[in-house]
Amino acid sequence: MIAGIDVLRAPLQRSPDLVLFRFAAMRSVGHVSVSVAMTSRKPFKPTKQQLIEAAGKTVPDVIAPNLRVLFCGINPGLYTAAVGHHFARPGNRFWPALHQSGFTNRQISPFDERELIRLGVGISNVVLRATASAAELTREDFSKGGRLLAAKVKRYKPRIVAILGVGAYRQAFDKPKAQVGQQVDCIHAARVWVLPNPSGLNANYQLPELVRLFRALRANAEAIS
């Protein structure tokens, strides 16, 4: 139950390589369907048409109760939404930073993202819908996303929430002076870290600096485990 809406996750198709889910929001009147990205277990490169059609789609969370760290991107890009896996665009530094900081013992492919659950790590987003650029998101998108993320944290109880984008955290949680690093405030009982956006388009932070910050987060997560 989120904001008075019952959210049902029902499988539409199942095959060894493809799973398609429908999120159905049921109100007292009417039925609302939310477009959700297809998820394939086999890596593939989306076509131009698939990228166009990815706008507005969502990507299923990688989440479970009591995670050590729940990473939250700003929102899915079109490439990520088209393939149905987080941080999937070539050049994104999330997966290299995760590995080189010691969260994983090898660099995991976005298509194998579910392996993170057994490591106590998950992935979500502040804003759920995919856009070509985060610049397309509105203040209301972030405000709503912050409320939904807080509800998710209350439900799943991760020890740490790591938001990958200082601007997203500032807007979603009304913290205009927030900086990269551990925050004073919590989201319910979860500690909050703000890390740079790992997109390859973020020239302010190169991979070595991202690894240093991810490593500091990992040390904190291990200290409170």
Protein backbone atom coordinates (compact mmCIF):
# COMPACT_ATOMS: atom_id res chain seq x y z
CA MET A 1 0.00 0.00 0.00
CA ILE A 2 1.53 3.31 -1.10
CA ALA A 3 -0.34 6.58 -0.61
CA GLY A 4 -3.70 4.81 -0.56
CA ILE A 5 -3.00 2.74 -3.66
CA ASP A 6 -2.72 -1.03 -3.67
CA VAL A 7 0.21 -1.92 -5.94
CA LEU A 8 0.06 -5.40 -7.44
CA ARG A 9 3.05 -6.96 -9.19
CA ALA A 10 1.73 -9.62 -11.53
CA PRO A 11 3.83 -11.59 -14.03
CA LEU A 12 2.55 -11.33 -17.58
CA GLN A 13 5.06 -13.61 -19.30
CA ARG A 14 7.78 -15.94 -18.14
CA SER A 15 10.52 -17.59 -20.15
CA PRO A 16 14.14 -18.54 -19.37
CA ASP A 17 15.37 -15.24 -20.78
CA LEU A 18 12.55 -12.76 -20.40
CA VAL A 19 10.27 -11.58 -17.61
CA LEU A 20 7.68 -8.86 -18.06
CA PHE A 21 5.84 -7.45 -15.11
CA ARG A 22 2.79 -5.22 -14.83
CA PHE A 23 2.29 -2.84 -11.94
CA ALA A 24 -1.44 -2.38 -11.54
CA ALA A 25 -2.71 0.38 -9.30
CA MET A 26 -6.24 -0.32 -8.15
CA ARG A 27 -8.47 2.44 -6.84
CA SER A 28 -12.09 2.30 -5.78
CA VAL A 29 -12.92 3.44 -9.32
CA GLY A 30 -10.98 2.51 -12.41
CA HIS A 31 -7.71 0.74 -13.11
CA VAL A 32 -4.33 2.30 -13.82
CA SER A 33 -1.47 0.40 -15.47
CA VAL A 34 2.12 1.60 -15.12
CA SER A 35 4.50 0.75 -17.95
CA VAL A 36 7.39 -1.32 -16.66
CA ALA A 37 10.56 -2.11 -18.56
CA MET A 38 11.15 -5.63 -19.84
CA THR A 39 14.02 -7.41 -18.14
CA SER A 40 16.17 -9.83 -20.07
CA ARG A 41 18.76 -12.14 -18.56
CA LYS A 42 20.86 -12.00 -21.71
CA PRO A 43 22.78 -8.78 -22.41
CA PHE A 44 21.58 -6.91 -25.46
CA LYS A 45 21.87 -3.47 -27.01
CA PRO A 46 18.54 -1.69 -27.45
CA THR A 47 17.49 -0.37 -30.82
CA LYS A 48 16.73 3.29 -31.47
CA GLN A 49 13.03 2.46 -31.42
CA GLN A 50 13.35 0.68 -28.08
CA LEU A 51 15.10 3.73 -26.65
CA ILE A 52 12.28 5.98 -27.84
CA GLU A 53 9.67 3.66 -26.36
CA ALA A 54 11.54 3.50 -23.01
CA ALA A 55 10.51 7.03 -22.03
CA GLY A 56 8.27 6.94 -18.97
CA LYS A 57 8.94 3.29 -18.16
CA THR A 58 10.14 2.09 -14.78
CA VAL A 59 12.77 -0.47 -13.83
CA PRO A 60 12.03 -3.07 -11.11
CA ASP A 61 13.86 -2.47 -7.83
CA VAL A 62 16.56 -4.83 -6.66
CA ILE A 63 15.41 -4.93 -3.07
CA ALA A 64 14.81 -7.15 -0.04
CA PRO A 65 14.27 -6.55 3.67
CA ASN A 66 17.16 -5.51 5.93
CA LEU A 67 19.77 -4.74 3.28
CA ARG A 68 23.13 -3.32 4.31
CA VAL A 69 22.94 -0.62 1.63
CA LEU A 70 20.16 0.47 -0.71
CA PHE A 71 21.63 2.50 -3.58
CA CYS A 72 19.22 4.95 -5.19
CA GLY A 73 19.85 6.48 -8.57
CA ILE A 74 18.24 9.73 -9.65
CA ASN A 75 15.93 8.08 -12.20
CA PRO A 76 16.37 5.56 -15.01
CA GLY A 77 17.84 6.75 -18.28
CA LEU A 78 16.36 5.54 -21.54
CA TYR A 79 19.07 2.91 -22.10
CA THR A 80 18.55 1.48 -18.61
CA ALA A 81 14.77 1.43 -19.04
CA ALA A 82 15.05 -0.15 -22.48
CA VAL A 83 17.05 -3.12 -21.18
CA GLY A 84 15.32 -3.25 -17.80
CA HIS A 85 18.44 -3.20 -15.62
CA HIS A 86 19.96 -0.47 -13.44
CA PHE A 87 22.96 1.63 -14.50
CA ALA A 88 23.14 -0.35 -17.74
CA ARG A 89 24.33 2.33 -20.14
CA PRO A 90 27.92 1.70 -21.27
CA GLY A 91 30.23 4.19 -19.60
CA ASN A 92 28.30 4.36 -16.34
CA ARG A 93 30.78 3.97 -13.46
CA PHE A 94 28.43 2.43 -10.88
CA TRP A 95 29.39 -1.19 -11.46
CA PRO A 96 33.18 -0.56 -11.66
CA ALA A 97 33.03 1.60 -8.50
CA LEU A 98 31.00 -1.04 -6.68
CA HIS A 99 33.58 -3.69 -7.49
CA GLN A 100 36.75 -1.64 -6.97
CA SER A 101 35.50 -0.40 -3.60
CA GLY A 102 35.08 -3.98 -2.37
CA PHE A 103 31.29 -4.38 -2.38
CA THR A 104 31.64 -7.22 -4.92
CA ASN A 105 34.50 -9.62 -5.65
CA ARG A 106 34.09 -9.14 -9.40
CA GLN A 107 32.50 -6.56 -11.66
CA ILE A 108 28.90 -7.65 -11.97
CA SER A 109 27.00 -7.05 -15.19
CA PRO A 110 23.82 -4.99 -14.90
CA PHE A 111 22.04 -8.05 -16.29
CA ASP A 112 23.16 -9.99 -13.19
CA GLU A 113 22.10 -7.28 -10.74
CA ARG A 114 19.99 -9.70 -8.65
CA GLU A 115 23.23 -11.20 -7.36
CA LEU A 116 23.56 -8.12 -5.17
CA ILE A 117 20.75 -9.24 -2.87
CA ARG A 118 22.81 -12.04 -1.33
CA LEU A 119 25.51 -9.43 -0.61
CA GLY A 120 23.05 -7.27 1.28
CA VAL A 121 22.95 -4.61 -1.44
CA GLY A 122 19.98 -3.27 -3.40
CA ILE A 123 19.14 -0.69 -6.04
CA SER A 124 16.21 1.67 -6.47
CA ASN A 125 15.62 5.19 -7.79
CA VAL A 126 14.43 8.47 -6.33
CA VAL A 127 12.17 9.12 -9.33
CA LEU A 128 10.80 5.98 -10.95
CA ARG A 129 10.03 7.08 -14.53
CA ALA A 130 12.67 7.04 -17.23
CA THR A 131 13.71 10.18 -19.09
CA ALA A 132 16.41 11.03 -21.60
CA SER A 133 17.94 13.39 -19.03
CA ALA A 134 17.42 14.11 -15.34
CA ALA A 135 16.96 17.74 -16.40
CA GLU A 136 13.48 16.74 -17.60
CA LEU A 137 12.37 16.01 -14.04
CA THR A 138 10.30 18.57 -12.15
CA ARG A 139 10.35 19.69 -8.54
CA GLU A 140 7.14 17.73 -8.04
CA ASP A 141 8.78 14.60 -9.48
CA PHE A 142 11.48 14.82 -6.82
CA SER A 143 9.07 15.67 -4.01
CA LYS A 144 6.85 12.70 -4.87
CA GLY A 145 9.90 10.48 -5.33
CA GLY A 146 11.20 11.41 -1.89
CA ARG A 147 7.90 10.47 -0.28
CA LEU A 148 7.77 7.13 -2.10
CA LEU A 149 11.39 6.37 -1.25
CA ALA A 150 10.77 7.14 2.43
CA ALA A 151 7.82 4.73 2.41
CA LYS A 152 10.00 2.08 0.77
CA VAL A 153 12.71 2.56 3.39
CA LYS A 154 10.14 2.25 6.17
CA ARG A 155 8.90 -1.01 4.67
CA TYR A 156 12.21 -2.70 3.81
CA LYS A 157 14.41 -1.24 6.58
CA PRO A 158 17.83 -0.97 4.91
CA ARG A 159 20.60 0.11 7.28
CA ILE A 160 21.90 2.73 4.85
CA VAL A 161 20.35 4.55 1.92
CA ALA A 162 22.95 5.87 -0.55
CA ILE A 163 21.51 8.43 -2.95
CA LEU A 164 23.59 8.79 -6.11
CA GLY A 165 23.15 12.46 -6.89
CA VAL A 166 23.45 15.37 -4.51
CA GLY A 167 20.92 17.46 -6.45
CA ALA A 168 18.36 14.67 -6.28
CA TYR A 169 18.74 14.39 -2.50
CA ARG A 170 18.52 18.15 -2.03
CA GLN A 171 15.27 18.37 -3.96
CA ALA A 172 13.61 15.13 -2.86
CA PHE A 173 14.19 15.74 0.85
CA ASP A 174 14.33 19.55 0.94
CA LYS A 175 17.98 19.68 1.99
CA PRO A 176 19.32 22.54 -0.18
CA LYS A 177 22.71 22.67 1.56
CA ALA A 178 23.46 18.93 1.53
CA GLN A 179 26.93 17.89 0.35
CA VAL A 180 28.46 14.59 -0.73
CA GLY A 181 29.11 12.20 2.16
CA GLN A 182 27.25 10.90 5.20
CA GLN A 183 24.30 13.07 6.26
CA VAL A 184 23.21 14.08 9.73
CA ASP A 185 19.58 13.26 8.99
CA CYS A 186 18.15 9.76 8.59
CA ILE A 187 15.28 8.39 6.53
CA HIS A 188 13.31 6.64 9.24
CA ALA A 189 15.98 4.47 10.90
CA ALA A 190 18.29 4.32 7.88
CA ARG A 191 21.49 6.32 7.73
CA VAL A 192 21.81 8.45 4.63
CA TRP A 193 24.83 8.84 2.37
CA VAL A 194 24.92 11.11 -0.66
CA LEU A 195 27.31 10.07 -3.41
CA PRO A 196 28.00 11.60 -6.84
CA ASN A 197 26.00 10.56 -9.85
CA PRO A 198 28.12 7.76 -11.43
CA SER A 199 27.02 8.60 -14.97
CA GLY A 200 29.87 8.89 -17.43
CA LEU A 201 28.54 12.37 -18.22
CA ASN A 202 29.45 13.59 -14.71
CA ALA A 203 32.91 15.03 -15.35
CA ASN A 204 33.23 16.39 -11.81
CA TYR A 205 33.98 12.94 -10.40
CA GLN A 206 36.26 10.42 -12.07
CA LEU A 207 36.32 6.71 -11.22
CA PRO A 208 39.13 6.88 -8.60
CA GLU A 209 37.20 9.48 -6.60
CA LEU A 210 33.99 7.48 -6.88
CA VAL A 211 35.84 4.39 -5.64
CA ARG A 212 37.18 6.33 -2.64
CA LEU A 213 33.69 7.47 -1.67
CA PHE A 214 32.13 4.04 -2.24
CA ARG A 215 34.90 2.52 -0.10
CA ALA A 216 34.11 4.95 2.75
CA LEU A 217 30.44 3.96 2.49
CA ARG A 218 31.34 0.26 2.61
CA ALA A 219 33.47 0.80 5.72
CA ASN A 220 30.56 2.53 7.42
CA ALA A 221 28.16 -0.25 6.41
CA GLU A 222 30.50 -2.89 7.82
CA ALA A 223 30.96 -0.95 11.05
CA ILE A 224 27.23 -1.02 11.80
CA SER A 225 26.56 -4.58 10.59
